[in-house]
Amino acid sequence: MDCRDVIDFGTPASESTEMVSLEIDGVSVTVPAGTSVMRAAMEAEVSVPKLCATDSLKSFGSCRLCWWRSKGAAAIRPRAPRRWKPA
């Protein structure tokens, strides 16, 4: 196996044992609390373009490629790194 066979999930895995559920582009996924949205999308097999995200670095949001709209929000915004936590 060479590096082209390895999936880069966008950020390192969370070590939390607590699980959270979220929906990304209509796809439900359950991941450990503290998982980045980028990693959750990859685990749900939702393709998300990425420039600044890699498993070898913590997310820092420098590329400004990620935009999002939270439920009920009027506008989309550039997305700073976000990790999911239980409500």
Protein backbone atom coordinates (compact mmCIF):
# COMPACT_ATOMS: atom_id res chain seq x y z
CA MET A 1 0.00 0.00 0.00
CA ASP A 2 1.31 3.47 -0.83
CA CYS A 3 0.10 6.91 0.27
CA ARG A 4 -2.48 7.06 -2.54
CA ASP A 5 -4.33 4.16 -0.91
CA VAL A 6 -4.73 5.92 2.46
CA ILE A 7 -7.89 7.94 3.10
CA ASP A 8 -7.23 11.36 4.66
CA PHE A 9 -10.28 12.17 6.79
CA GLY A 10 -9.39 15.86 7.11
CA THR A 11 -8.52 16.00 10.79
CA PRO A 12 -7.29 13.59 13.46
CA ALA A 13 -9.86 11.28 15.06
CA SER A 14 -11.52 12.29 18.32
CA GLU A 15 -10.69 10.10 21.31
CA SER A 16 -14.05 10.72 23.00
CA THR A 17 -16.23 7.76 23.94
CA GLU A 18 -19.38 9.95 23.90
CA MET A 19 -21.21 9.85 20.56
CA VAL A 20 -23.12 12.66 18.81
CA SER A 21 -25.37 12.53 15.74
CA LEU A 22 -25.60 15.13 13.01
CA GLU A 23 -26.83 15.49 9.44
CA ILE A 24 -24.62 16.63 6.57
CA ASP A 25 -26.31 17.30 3.21
CA GLY A 26 -29.20 15.03 4.23
CA VAL A 27 -26.93 12.17 5.37
CA SER A 28 -27.09 11.20 9.05
CA VAL A 29 -23.85 10.25 10.77
CA THR A 30 -22.94 9.40 14.37
CA VAL A 31 -19.40 10.22 15.46
CA PRO A 32 -17.44 10.67 18.70
CA ALA A 33 -17.96 14.06 20.39
CA GLY A 34 -15.24 16.48 19.29
CA THR A 35 -15.07 15.12 15.74
CA SER A 36 -14.58 17.82 13.11
CA VAL A 37 -17.32 18.41 10.56
CA MET A 38 -14.79 17.55 7.84
CA ARG A 39 -14.04 14.15 9.38
CA ALA A 40 -17.75 13.46 10.03
CA ALA A 41 -18.50 14.20 6.36
CA MET A 42 -15.77 11.82 5.20
CA GLU A 43 -17.06 9.11 7.54
CA ALA A 44 -20.56 9.62 6.06
CA GLU A 45 -19.04 9.39 2.55
CA VAL A 46 -20.07 12.98 1.80
CA SER A 47 -17.48 14.57 -0.46
CA VAL A 48 -16.22 17.92 0.82
CA PRO A 49 -13.44 19.83 -0.99
CA LYS A 50 -10.54 20.54 1.32
CA LEU A 51 -7.36 22.56 1.15
CA CYS A 52 -6.38 23.18 4.77
CA ALA A 53 -7.58 19.91 6.29
CA THR A 54 -5.42 16.85 6.80
CA ASP A 55 -5.16 14.08 9.37
CA SER A 56 -1.66 15.26 10.23
CA LEU A 57 -2.80 18.71 11.50
CA LYS A 58 -5.48 20.04 13.82
CA SER A 59 -7.98 22.13 11.85
CA PHE A 60 -7.25 25.86 11.75
CA GLY A 61 -9.54 27.20 8.98
CA SER A 62 -6.99 29.07 6.92
CA CYS A 63 -8.27 28.29 3.41
CA ARG A 64 -11.80 29.78 3.84
CA LEU A 65 -13.12 27.13 1.45
CA CYS A 66 -15.73 25.84 3.93
CA TRP A 67 -19.02 27.73 4.18
CA TRP A 68 -22.09 26.70 6.13
CA ARG A 69 -25.61 27.67 7.13
CA SER A 70 -26.97 26.51 10.46
CA LYS A 71 -30.60 25.51 10.71
CA GLY A 72 -32.73 28.65 10.87
CA ALA A 73 -29.90 31.06 9.95
CA ALA A 74 -30.55 33.62 7.22
CA ALA A 75 -27.04 33.71 5.77
CA ILE A 76 -24.15 31.39 5.04
CA ARG A 77 -20.82 32.16 6.68
CA PRO A 78 -17.22 31.09 6.30
CA ARG A 79 -16.70 28.21 8.67
CA ALA A 80 -14.07 28.35 11.35
CA PRO A 81 -13.00 24.93 12.57
CA ARG A 82 -15.83 23.37 14.54
CA ARG A 83 -16.07 20.25 16.60
CA TRP A 84 -19.40 18.66 17.51
CA LYS A 85 -20.36 18.46 21.15
CA PRO A 86 -23.48 17.00 22.73
CA ALA A 87 -26.29 19.51 23.25
